[in-house]
Amino acid sequence: MNPAFVLPLLPDLPILAALPALRAALAAHSRVVLEAPPGAGKTTVVPLELLTADWRNPADKILVLEPRQLAVRGAAARLAQLLGEPVGRTIGYRVRLDSKVSKETRVEVITEGILTRMIQDDPALEGVAAVVFDEFHERSLN
């Protein structure tokens, strides 16, 4: 299912009202901070919204950084469910010693350790359109 069709199915989420401003900010700037209360829909809506962004090369991935492995798996499962797909297709995840990704994967939910390794392997993060730091208040010093 196309992400553009999923968002209207989530009419109760407060984050939907912020999407026009988010789109405009991302079109004008390379870094944006989005602040919203818990449960607003940031984790589930923003990655799907980024999939349809005009500035994104469709072949490039969106990385969603979560603080814990359990959160990674849960976020990936929910995003895939919203698209009506299995995890590993459009939405995938990578954690230490486990991953579900494919050539079709466009959103990867990952941990800090995976992102660190990706940057070490490719400092420019070629093929990555955006990195979403979810749950930023739970970040470590690294």
Protein backbone atom coordinates (compact mmCIF):
# COMPACT_ATOMS: atom_id res chain seq x y z
CA MET A 1 0.00 0.00 0.00
CA ASN A 2 1.23 3.48 -0.81
CA PRO A 3 2.14 5.56 2.28
CA ALA A 4 0.02 8.42 0.91
CA PHE A 5 -3.05 6.21 1.36
CA VAL A 6 -2.12 5.21 4.91
CA LEU A 7 -1.98 8.66 6.49
CA PRO A 8 -5.70 9.43 6.00
CA LEU A 9 -6.42 6.21 7.90
CA LEU A 10 -4.82 7.76 11.01
CA PRO A 11 -7.07 10.84 11.48
CA ASP A 12 -6.80 11.02 15.27
CA LEU A 13 -3.04 11.54 15.50
CA PRO A 14 -2.01 15.10 16.45
CA ILE A 15 1.14 14.92 14.29
CA LEU A 16 -0.97 15.07 11.12
CA ALA A 17 -1.63 18.78 11.74
CA ALA A 18 2.14 19.41 11.81
CA LEU A 19 2.90 17.64 8.51
CA PRO A 20 2.49 20.67 6.20
CA ALA A 21 4.98 22.66 8.29
CA LEU A 22 7.32 19.66 8.45
CA ARG A 23 7.19 19.24 4.66
CA ALA A 24 7.95 22.93 4.14
CA ALA A 25 10.81 22.90 6.67
CA LEU A 26 12.39 19.82 5.09
CA ALA A 27 12.12 21.33 1.62
CA ALA A 28 13.99 24.42 2.83
CA HIS A 29 16.48 22.97 5.34
CA SER A 30 18.69 19.90 5.67
CA ARG A 31 18.04 19.60 9.43
CA VAL A 32 14.73 19.96 11.22
CA VAL A 33 13.70 19.42 14.82
CA LEU A 34 10.16 18.16 15.34
CA GLU A 35 8.81 18.28 18.87
CA ALA A 36 5.49 16.73 19.80
CA PRO A 37 4.06 15.07 22.89
CA PRO A 38 4.24 11.29 23.43
CA GLY A 39 1.62 9.44 21.43
CA ALA A 40 1.34 12.18 18.78
CA GLY A 41 2.36 9.79 16.00
CA LYS A 42 5.94 10.84 15.33
CA THR A 43 7.34 7.30 15.11
CA THR A 44 4.61 5.96 12.86
CA VAL A 45 3.71 8.92 10.67
CA VAL A 46 6.96 10.80 10.00
CA PRO A 47 8.87 7.92 8.30
CA LEU A 48 5.87 7.18 6.07
CA GLU A 49 5.56 10.87 5.22
CA LEU A 50 9.25 11.01 4.28
CA LEU A 51 8.74 8.16 1.82
CA THR A 52 6.65 10.47 -0.34
CA ALA A 53 8.81 13.60 -0.01
CA ASP A 54 9.61 15.36 -3.29
CA TRP A 55 13.26 15.97 -2.32
CA ARG A 56 13.93 12.27 -1.66
CA ASN A 57 15.44 10.05 -4.35
CA PRO A 58 13.07 7.04 -4.37
CA ALA A 59 16.02 4.65 -4.26
CA ASP A 60 17.47 6.24 -1.10
CA LYS A 61 16.69 4.91 2.36
CA ILE A 62 15.32 6.61 5.41
CA LEU A 63 16.98 5.56 8.64
CA VAL A 64 14.93 5.73 11.84
CA LEU A 65 17.09 5.59 14.95
CA GLU A 66 15.51 4.04 18.04
CA PRO A 67 17.24 3.76 21.43
CA ARG A 68 16.60 0.05 22.11
CA GLN A 69 16.27 -3.19 20.15
CA LEU A 70 12.74 -3.77 21.40
CA ALA A 71 11.69 -0.32 20.17
CA VAL A 72 13.35 -1.02 16.80
CA ARG A 73 11.41 -4.22 16.26
CA GLY A 74 8.15 -2.69 17.51
CA ALA A 75 8.40 0.41 15.33
CA ALA A 76 9.27 -1.63 12.24
CA ALA A 77 6.37 -4.01 12.88
CA ARG A 78 3.89 -1.13 13.27
CA LEU A 79 5.10 0.72 10.18
CA ALA A 80 4.96 -2.45 8.07
CA GLN A 81 1.49 -3.22 9.45
CA LEU A 82 0.27 0.23 8.40
CA LEU A 83 1.47 -0.48 4.87
CA GLY A 84 -0.13 -3.93 4.91
CA GLU A 85 3.23 -5.56 4.30
CA PRO A 86 5.52 -7.94 6.15
CA VAL A 87 8.56 -6.53 7.92
CA GLY A 88 11.49 -6.68 5.54
CA ARG A 89 9.75 -5.33 2.49
CA THR A 90 9.35 -1.50 2.42
CA ILE A 91 9.98 -1.30 6.16
CA GLY A 92 12.85 -3.24 7.70
CA TYR A 93 15.03 -3.25 10.76
CA ARG A 94 18.59 -3.97 11.82
CA VAL A 95 19.86 -4.60 15.32
CA ARG A 96 22.90 -6.43 16.62
CA LEU A 97 22.78 -10.04 15.38
CA ASP A 98 19.33 -9.68 13.74
CA SER A 99 17.89 -7.97 10.69
CA LYS A 100 14.94 -8.09 8.34
CA VAL A 101 15.73 -6.06 5.23
CA SER A 102 15.60 -6.65 1.50
CA LYS A 103 16.43 -4.86 -1.73
CA GLU A 104 12.94 -3.32 -1.51
CA THR A 105 13.50 -1.84 1.97
CA ARG A 106 13.26 1.96 1.97
CA VAL A 107 12.84 2.61 5.72
CA GLU A 108 15.27 0.93 8.09
CA VAL A 109 14.66 1.16 11.81
CA ILE A 110 18.02 0.79 13.55
CA THR A 111 19.89 1.22 16.84
CA GLU A 112 22.74 3.64 17.61
CA GLY A 113 25.30 0.86 17.25
CA ILE A 114 24.13 0.05 13.72
CA LEU A 115 24.23 3.74 12.74
CA THR A 116 27.75 4.07 14.16
CA ARG A 117 28.90 1.10 12.10
CA MET A 118 27.21 2.50 8.97
CA ILE A 119 29.00 5.85 9.42
CA GLN A 120 32.33 4.09 9.93
CA ASP A 121 31.81 2.13 6.72
CA ASP A 122 30.51 5.12 4.72
CA PRO A 123 30.91 8.55 6.38
CA ALA A 124 28.80 10.20 3.66
CA LEU A 125 25.98 7.68 4.14
CA GLU A 126 25.54 7.34 0.38
CA GLY A 127 22.05 6.15 -0.49
CA VAL A 128 20.52 7.59 2.68
CA ALA A 129 17.98 10.38 2.20
CA ALA A 130 17.29 11.10 5.87
CA VAL A 131 18.11 10.04 9.40
CA VAL A 132 15.31 10.37 11.94
CA PHE A 133 16.47 10.48 15.55
CA ASP A 134 13.40 9.20 17.36
CA GLU A 135 13.17 9.39 21.15
CA PHE A 136 16.02 11.91 21.14
CA HIS A 137 15.71 12.48 24.89
CA GLU A 138 16.80 8.84 25.42
CA ARG A 139 20.11 9.23 23.56
CA SER A 140 23.43 8.31 25.13
CA LEU A 141 26.48 10.54 25.07
CA ASN A 142 27.65 8.79 21.88
